[in-house]
N, C-alpha and C. Protein backbone atom coordinates (compact mmCIF):
# COMPACT_ATOMS: atom_id res chain seq x y z
N UNK A 1 57.15 -19.94 -45.42
CA UNK A 1 57.12 -18.19 -45.01
C UNK A 1 57.07 -18.01 -43.54
N UNK A 2 58.00 -17.32 -43.27
CA UNK A 2 58.03 -16.50 -41.88
C UNK A 2 57.63 -15.19 -42.16
N UNK A 3 56.46 -14.36 -41.07
CA UNK A 3 56.01 -13.41 -41.15
C UNK A 3 56.24 -12.62 -40.03
N UNK A 4 56.86 -11.33 -40.02
CA UNK A 4 56.78 -10.52 -38.63
C UNK A 4 55.59 -10.03 -38.14
N UNK A 5 55.40 -9.82 -36.83
CA UNK A 5 54.29 -9.25 -36.55
C UNK A 5 54.21 -7.79 -36.25
N UNK A 6 55.33 -7.08 -36.12
CA UNK A 6 55.80 -5.86 -36.39
C UNK A 6 56.55 -5.37 -37.72
N UNK A 7 56.58 -4.32 -37.87
CA UNK A 7 57.52 -3.86 -39.01
C UNK A 7 58.72 -3.45 -38.70
N UNK A 8 59.20 -3.21 -37.27
CA UNK A 8 60.28 -3.03 -36.60
C UNK A 8 61.36 -4.24 -36.52
N UNK A 9 60.60 -5.21 -36.23
CA UNK A 9 60.91 -6.65 -36.00
C UNK A 9 61.93 -7.49 -37.18
N UNK A 10 63.04 -8.03 -36.97
CA UNK A 10 63.49 -8.67 -38.03
C UNK A 10 64.22 -10.11 -37.66
N UNK A 11 64.52 -10.96 -38.28
CA UNK A 11 65.02 -12.31 -38.32
C UNK A 11 66.48 -12.37 -38.64
N UNK A 12 67.29 -12.77 -37.40
CA UNK A 12 68.30 -13.15 -37.54
C UNK A 12 68.80 -14.76 -37.68
N UNK A 13 69.05 -15.10 -38.76
CA UNK A 13 69.05 -16.89 -38.98
C UNK A 13 70.56 -16.90 -39.45
N UNK A 14 71.14 -17.96 -38.47
CA UNK A 14 72.42 -18.19 -38.98
C UNK A 14 72.67 -19.69 -39.04
N UNK A 15 73.82 -20.47 -40.07
CA UNK A 15 73.83 -19.77 -41.11
C UNK A 15 72.82 -19.54 -41.86
N UNK A 16 72.72 -18.51 -43.23
CA UNK A 16 71.97 -18.45 -44.39
C UNK A 16 71.45 -19.20 -45.24
N UNK A 17 72.59 -20.08 -45.23
CA UNK A 17 72.43 -21.22 -46.05
C UNK A 17 73.19 -22.54 -45.28
N UNK A 18 72.31 -23.53 -45.28
CA UNK A 18 73.16 -25.21 -44.53
C UNK A 18 72.16 -26.25 -45.06
N UNK A 19 72.71 -27.26 -44.84
CA UNK A 19 72.41 -28.55 -45.37
C UNK A 19 71.36 -28.94 -44.43
N UNK A 20 70.54 -30.15 -44.78
CA UNK A 20 69.58 -30.39 -43.89
C UNK A 20 69.75 -31.16 -42.54
N UNK A 21 71.15 -31.58 -42.30
CA UNK A 21 71.69 -32.06 -41.21
C UNK A 21 72.51 -30.91 -40.22
N UNK A 22 72.56 -29.75 -40.62
CA UNK A 22 73.11 -28.57 -40.02
C UNK A 22 72.26 -27.90 -39.11
N UNK A 23 72.46 -27.47 -37.93
CA UNK A 23 71.85 -26.73 -37.24
C UNK A 23 71.52 -25.45 -37.90
N UNK A 24 70.48 -24.69 -37.40
CA UNK A 24 69.98 -23.30 -37.92
C UNK A 24 69.80 -22.44 -36.38
N UNK A 25 70.37 -21.27 -36.50
CA UNK A 25 70.15 -20.70 -35.27
C UNK A 25 69.18 -19.72 -35.67
N UNK A 26 68.07 -19.41 -35.09
CA UNK A 26 66.87 -18.27 -35.47
C UNK A 26 66.48 -17.34 -34.42
N UNK A 27 66.70 -16.35 -34.51
CA UNK A 27 66.33 -15.21 -33.26
C UNK A 27 65.60 -14.44 -33.98
N UNK A 28 64.29 -13.61 -33.27
CA UNK A 28 63.62 -12.56 -33.57
C UNK A 28 63.81 -11.35 -32.59
N UNK A 29 64.26 -10.37 -33.50
CA UNK A 29 64.85 -9.05 -32.78
C UNK A 29 63.64 -7.88 -33.04
N UNK A 30 64.01 -7.00 -32.25
CA UNK A 30 62.90 -5.71 -32.13
C UNK A 30 61.57 -5.82 -31.91
N UNK A 31 61.18 -6.77 -31.02
CA UNK A 31 59.82 -6.81 -30.50
C UNK A 31 59.90 -5.84 -29.16
N UNK A 32 58.77 -5.60 -28.77
CA UNK A 32 58.51 -4.99 -27.33
C UNK A 32 58.87 -6.01 -26.40
N UNK A 33 59.37 -5.30 -25.08
CA UNK A 33 59.55 -6.31 -24.35
C UNK A 33 58.54 -7.16 -23.76
N UNK A 34 58.58 -8.53 -23.41
CA UNK A 34 57.81 -9.32 -22.91
C UNK A 34 56.51 -9.27 -24.13
N UNK A 35 56.59 -8.91 -25.39
CA UNK A 35 55.42 -9.25 -26.14
C UNK A 35 55.42 -10.63 -26.79
N UNK A 36 54.40 -11.05 -26.99
CA UNK A 36 53.85 -12.35 -27.55
C UNK A 36 53.97 -12.69 -29.04
N UNK A 37 54.71 -13.35 -29.54
CA UNK A 37 54.58 -13.55 -30.99
C UNK A 37 54.55 -14.98 -31.76
N UNK A 38 53.78 -15.14 -32.54
CA UNK A 38 53.86 -16.50 -33.23
C UNK A 38 54.47 -16.58 -34.62
N UNK A 39 55.45 -17.43 -34.41
CA UNK A 39 56.34 -17.62 -35.65
C UNK A 39 55.58 -18.88 -36.57
N UNK A 40 55.45 -18.81 -37.87
CA UNK A 40 54.83 -19.61 -38.92
C UNK A 40 55.91 -20.20 -39.68
N UNK A 41 55.86 -21.25 -39.99
CA UNK A 41 56.98 -21.56 -41.30
C UNK A 41 56.29 -22.37 -42.02
N UNK A 42 56.50 -22.49 -43.48
CA UNK A 42 55.77 -23.42 -44.35
C UNK A 42 56.93 -23.40 -45.72
N UNK A 43 56.47 -24.82 -46.26
CA UNK A 43 57.51 -25.12 -47.38
C UNK A 43 56.56 -26.20 -48.01
N UNK A 44 56.90 -26.26 -49.55
CA UNK A 44 56.40 -27.11 -50.64
C UNK A 44 57.50 -28.34 -50.61
N UNK A 45 56.76 -29.41 -50.62
CA UNK A 45 57.92 -30.67 -50.85
C UNK A 45 57.74 -30.67 -52.30
N UNK A 46 58.23 -32.07 -52.74
CA UNK A 46 58.29 -32.49 -54.14
C UNK A 46 56.99 -32.85 -54.94
N UNK A 47 55.84 -32.77 -54.21
CA UNK A 47 54.54 -32.86 -54.78
C UNK A 47 53.92 -31.78 -54.53
N UNK A 48 54.31 -30.87 -54.43
CA UNK A 48 53.55 -29.58 -53.92
C UNK A 48 52.47 -29.49 -52.87
N UNK A 49 53.10 -30.50 -52.02
CA UNK A 49 52.18 -30.63 -50.76
C UNK A 49 52.72 -29.30 -49.76
N UNK A 50 51.94 -28.75 -49.06
CA UNK A 50 52.35 -27.57 -48.25
C UNK A 50 52.60 -28.01 -46.66
N UNK A 51 53.99 -28.05 -46.20
CA UNK A 51 54.18 -28.38 -44.96
C UNK A 51 54.00 -27.15 -44.17
N UNK A 52 53.86 -27.03 -43.03
CA UNK A 52 53.56 -25.59 -42.01
C UNK A 52 53.77 -26.42 -40.42
N UNK A 53 54.36 -25.16 -39.70
CA UNK A 53 54.55 -25.42 -38.41
C UNK A 53 54.22 -23.96 -37.96
N UNK A 54 54.10 -23.62 -36.47
CA UNK A 54 53.85 -22.56 -35.73
C UNK A 54 54.53 -22.81 -34.39
N UNK A 55 54.79 -21.51 -33.79
CA UNK A 55 54.95 -21.57 -32.30
C UNK A 55 55.05 -20.24 -31.66
N UNK A 56 54.44 -20.25 -30.75
CA UNK A 56 54.36 -18.70 -29.93
C UNK A 56 55.22 -18.74 -28.97
N UNK A 57 55.82 -17.51 -28.79
CA UNK A 57 57.06 -17.28 -27.62
C UNK A 57 56.41 -15.73 -27.04
N UNK A 58 57.29 -15.60 -26.10
CA UNK A 58 57.20 -14.17 -25.24
C UNK A 58 58.79 -13.91 -25.53
N UNK A 59 59.00 -12.63 -25.79
CA UNK A 59 59.82 -11.76 -26.35
C UNK A 59 60.80 -11.72 -24.66
N UNK A 60 61.88 -11.35 -24.62
CA UNK A 60 62.48 -11.32 -23.33
C UNK A 60 62.47 -9.97 -23.03
N UNK A 61 63.25 -9.55 -21.94
CA UNK A 61 63.21 -8.03 -21.39
C UNK A 61 64.09 -7.19 -22.53
N UNK A 62 64.75 -7.59 -23.56
CA UNK A 62 65.20 -7.02 -24.73
C UNK A 62 64.50 -6.93 -25.83
N UNK A 63 63.46 -7.37 -25.89
CA UNK A 63 62.58 -7.50 -27.21
C UNK A 63 62.97 -8.68 -28.09
N UNK A 64 63.80 -9.71 -27.47
CA UNK A 64 63.97 -10.74 -28.21
C UNK A 64 63.53 -12.17 -28.21
N UNK A 65 63.35 -12.91 -29.05
CA UNK A 65 62.98 -14.22 -29.22
C UNK A 65 64.16 -15.37 -29.65
N UNK A 66 64.54 -16.12 -28.78
CA UNK A 66 66.01 -16.81 -29.53
C UNK A 66 65.67 -18.06 -29.38
N UNK A 67 65.24 -18.87 -30.23
CA UNK A 67 64.98 -20.40 -30.32
C UNK A 67 65.71 -21.23 -29.95
N UNK A 68 67.12 -20.82 -29.87
CA UNK A 68 68.20 -21.55 -29.02
C UNK A 68 68.04 -21.82 -27.52
N UNK A 69 67.16 -21.09 -26.86
CA UNK A 69 67.05 -20.94 -25.35
C UNK A 69 65.95 -20.91 -24.94
N UNK A 70 64.98 -20.55 -25.85
CA UNK A 70 63.62 -20.44 -25.39
C UNK A 70 62.62 -21.26 -25.70
N UNK A 71 61.69 -21.91 -24.78
CA UNK A 71 60.56 -22.90 -25.01
C UNK A 71 59.61 -22.38 -25.51
N UNK A 72 58.71 -22.68 -26.75
CA UNK A 72 57.41 -22.15 -27.07
C UNK A 72 56.37 -21.93 -26.10
N UNK A 73 55.57 -21.36 -25.78
CA UNK A 73 54.42 -21.29 -25.06
C UNK A 73 53.46 -22.27 -25.43
N UNK A 74 53.42 -22.35 -27.00
CA UNK A 74 52.31 -23.14 -27.77
C UNK A 74 52.89 -23.60 -29.08
N UNK A 75 52.39 -24.01 -29.82
CA UNK A 75 52.62 -24.64 -31.12
C UNK A 75 52.70 -26.17 -31.50
N UNK A 76 53.60 -26.15 -32.66
CA UNK A 76 53.65 -27.58 -33.28
C UNK A 76 54.78 -28.38 -32.67
N UNK A 77 55.70 -27.73 -31.70
CA UNK A 77 56.53 -28.41 -30.71
C UNK A 77 56.31 -27.62 -29.37
N UNK A 78 56.94 -28.48 -28.18
CA UNK A 78 56.69 -27.94 -26.83
C UNK A 78 58.39 -27.87 -26.33
N UNK A 79 59.29 -28.04 -26.52
CA UNK A 79 60.58 -27.84 -25.92
C UNK A 79 61.44 -26.98 -26.61
N UNK A 80 62.76 -26.52 -25.97
CA UNK A 80 63.65 -25.55 -26.41
C UNK A 80 64.35 -26.51 -27.82
N UNK A 81 64.15 -25.86 -28.74
CA UNK A 81 64.76 -26.76 -30.18
C UNK A 81 65.01 -25.62 -31.22
N UNK A 82 66.13 -25.26 -31.42
CA UNK A 82 66.05 -24.14 -32.37
C UNK A 82 65.64 -24.77 -33.92
N UNK A 83 65.51 -25.77 -33.57
CA UNK A 83 65.10 -26.72 -35.39
C UNK A 83 63.78 -26.85 -35.15
N UNK A 84 63.02 -26.81 -34.20
CA UNK A 84 61.64 -27.35 -33.76
C UNK A 84 60.70 -26.59 -34.77
N UNK A 85 60.89 -25.56 -35.31
CA UNK A 85 60.28 -25.33 -36.51
C UNK A 85 60.22 -25.90 -37.92
N UNK A 86 61.42 -26.72 -37.92
CA UNK A 86 61.37 -27.37 -39.29
C UNK A 86 60.86 -28.86 -38.74
N UNK A 87 61.37 -29.73 -37.98
CA UNK A 87 61.13 -31.13 -37.96
C UNK A 87 59.60 -31.11 -37.28
N UNK A 88 58.87 -29.97 -36.99
CA UNK A 88 57.56 -30.27 -36.51
C UNK A 88 56.37 -30.02 -37.55
N UNK A 89 56.89 -29.65 -38.59
CA UNK A 89 56.01 -29.50 -39.90
C UNK A 89 55.26 -30.67 -40.42
N UNK A 90 53.76 -30.22 -40.57
CA UNK A 90 53.22 -31.15 -40.70
C UNK A 90 52.20 -30.64 -42.00
N UNK A 91 51.46 -31.67 -42.76
CA UNK A 91 50.61 -31.48 -43.71
C UNK A 91 49.15 -32.11 -43.58
N UNK A 92 48.16 -31.80 -43.14
CA UNK A 92 47.01 -32.46 -42.80
C UNK A 92 46.02 -32.48 -44.08
N UNK A 93 45.63 -33.76 -44.47
CA UNK A 93 44.65 -34.01 -45.70
C UNK A 93 43.38 -34.55 -44.95
N UNK A 94 42.50 -34.49 -45.83
CA UNK A 94 40.97 -35.15 -45.31
C UNK A 94 41.56 -36.90 -45.13
N UNK A 95 41.27 -37.31 -43.88
CA UNK A 95 41.21 -38.82 -43.50
C UNK A 95 42.90 -39.13 -43.46
N UNK A 96 43.72 -38.28 -43.44
CA UNK A 96 45.03 -38.48 -43.05
C UNK A 96 45.63 -37.59 -42.19
N UNK A 97 46.44 -38.02 -41.32
CA UNK A 97 46.90 -36.83 -40.11
C UNK A 97 48.34 -36.78 -40.21
N UNK A 98 49.30 -37.93 -40.69
CA UNK A 98 50.64 -37.78 -40.97
C UNK A 98 51.16 -38.12 -42.45
N UNK A 99 51.89 -37.33 -42.87
CA UNK A 99 52.52 -37.75 -44.40
C UNK A 99 54.03 -37.58 -44.12
N UNK A 100 54.46 -37.90 -45.15
CA UNK A 100 56.06 -38.25 -45.26
C UNK A 100 56.58 -36.93 -46.22
N UNK A 101 57.40 -36.41 -45.73
CA UNK A 101 57.99 -35.43 -46.50
C UNK A 101 58.63 -35.63 -47.68
N UNK A 102 58.50 -35.26 -48.98
CA UNK A 102 59.08 -35.97 -50.12
C UNK A 102 59.83 -34.88 -50.75
N UNK A 103 61.22 -35.25 -51.31
CA UNK A 103 61.98 -34.39 -51.94
C UNK A 103 62.18 -34.99 -53.60
N UNK A 104 61.76 -34.27 -54.65
CA UNK A 104 62.12 -34.87 -55.79
C UNK A 104 63.30 -34.90 -55.92
N UNK A 105 64.07 -35.83 -56.84
CA UNK A 105 65.35 -35.69 -57.13
C UNK A 105 65.24 -34.84 -58.30
N UNK A 106 66.34 -33.88 -58.17
CA UNK A 106 66.53 -32.86 -59.02
C UNK A 106 67.95 -33.01 -59.90
N UNK A 107 68.26 -33.22 -61.05
CA UNK A 107 69.23 -33.52 -61.60
C UNK A 107 70.28 -32.35 -61.59
N UNK A 108 69.94 -31.18 -61.54
CA UNK A 108 70.61 -30.05 -61.50
C UNK A 108 71.35 -29.53 -60.09
N UNK A 109 72.39 -29.19 -59.96
CA UNK A 109 72.94 -28.79 -58.45
C UNK A 109 72.34 -27.77 -57.81
């Protein structure tokens, strides 16, 4: 789940639908110039384990954060990577630091 900091900002995600090996472009628009924003992502796997990631950015002079060209200031990944919020997701349970994401087979298309 991704939630904006202000009601005037919006995400531009292209393409809206993609396969796991297709890159996604993510931009956050409508922020104040040089505003800091943290983007959180989360999803459930086939065992209903919640996977999460986050990254903090600073908007450019136009109030835009573009994950294709901007490096996070802090978060679950550290370099410019438009897919960073996806591959850096993790779930932490007591006594375990890393898990493998699991997708159950679904007979329906």
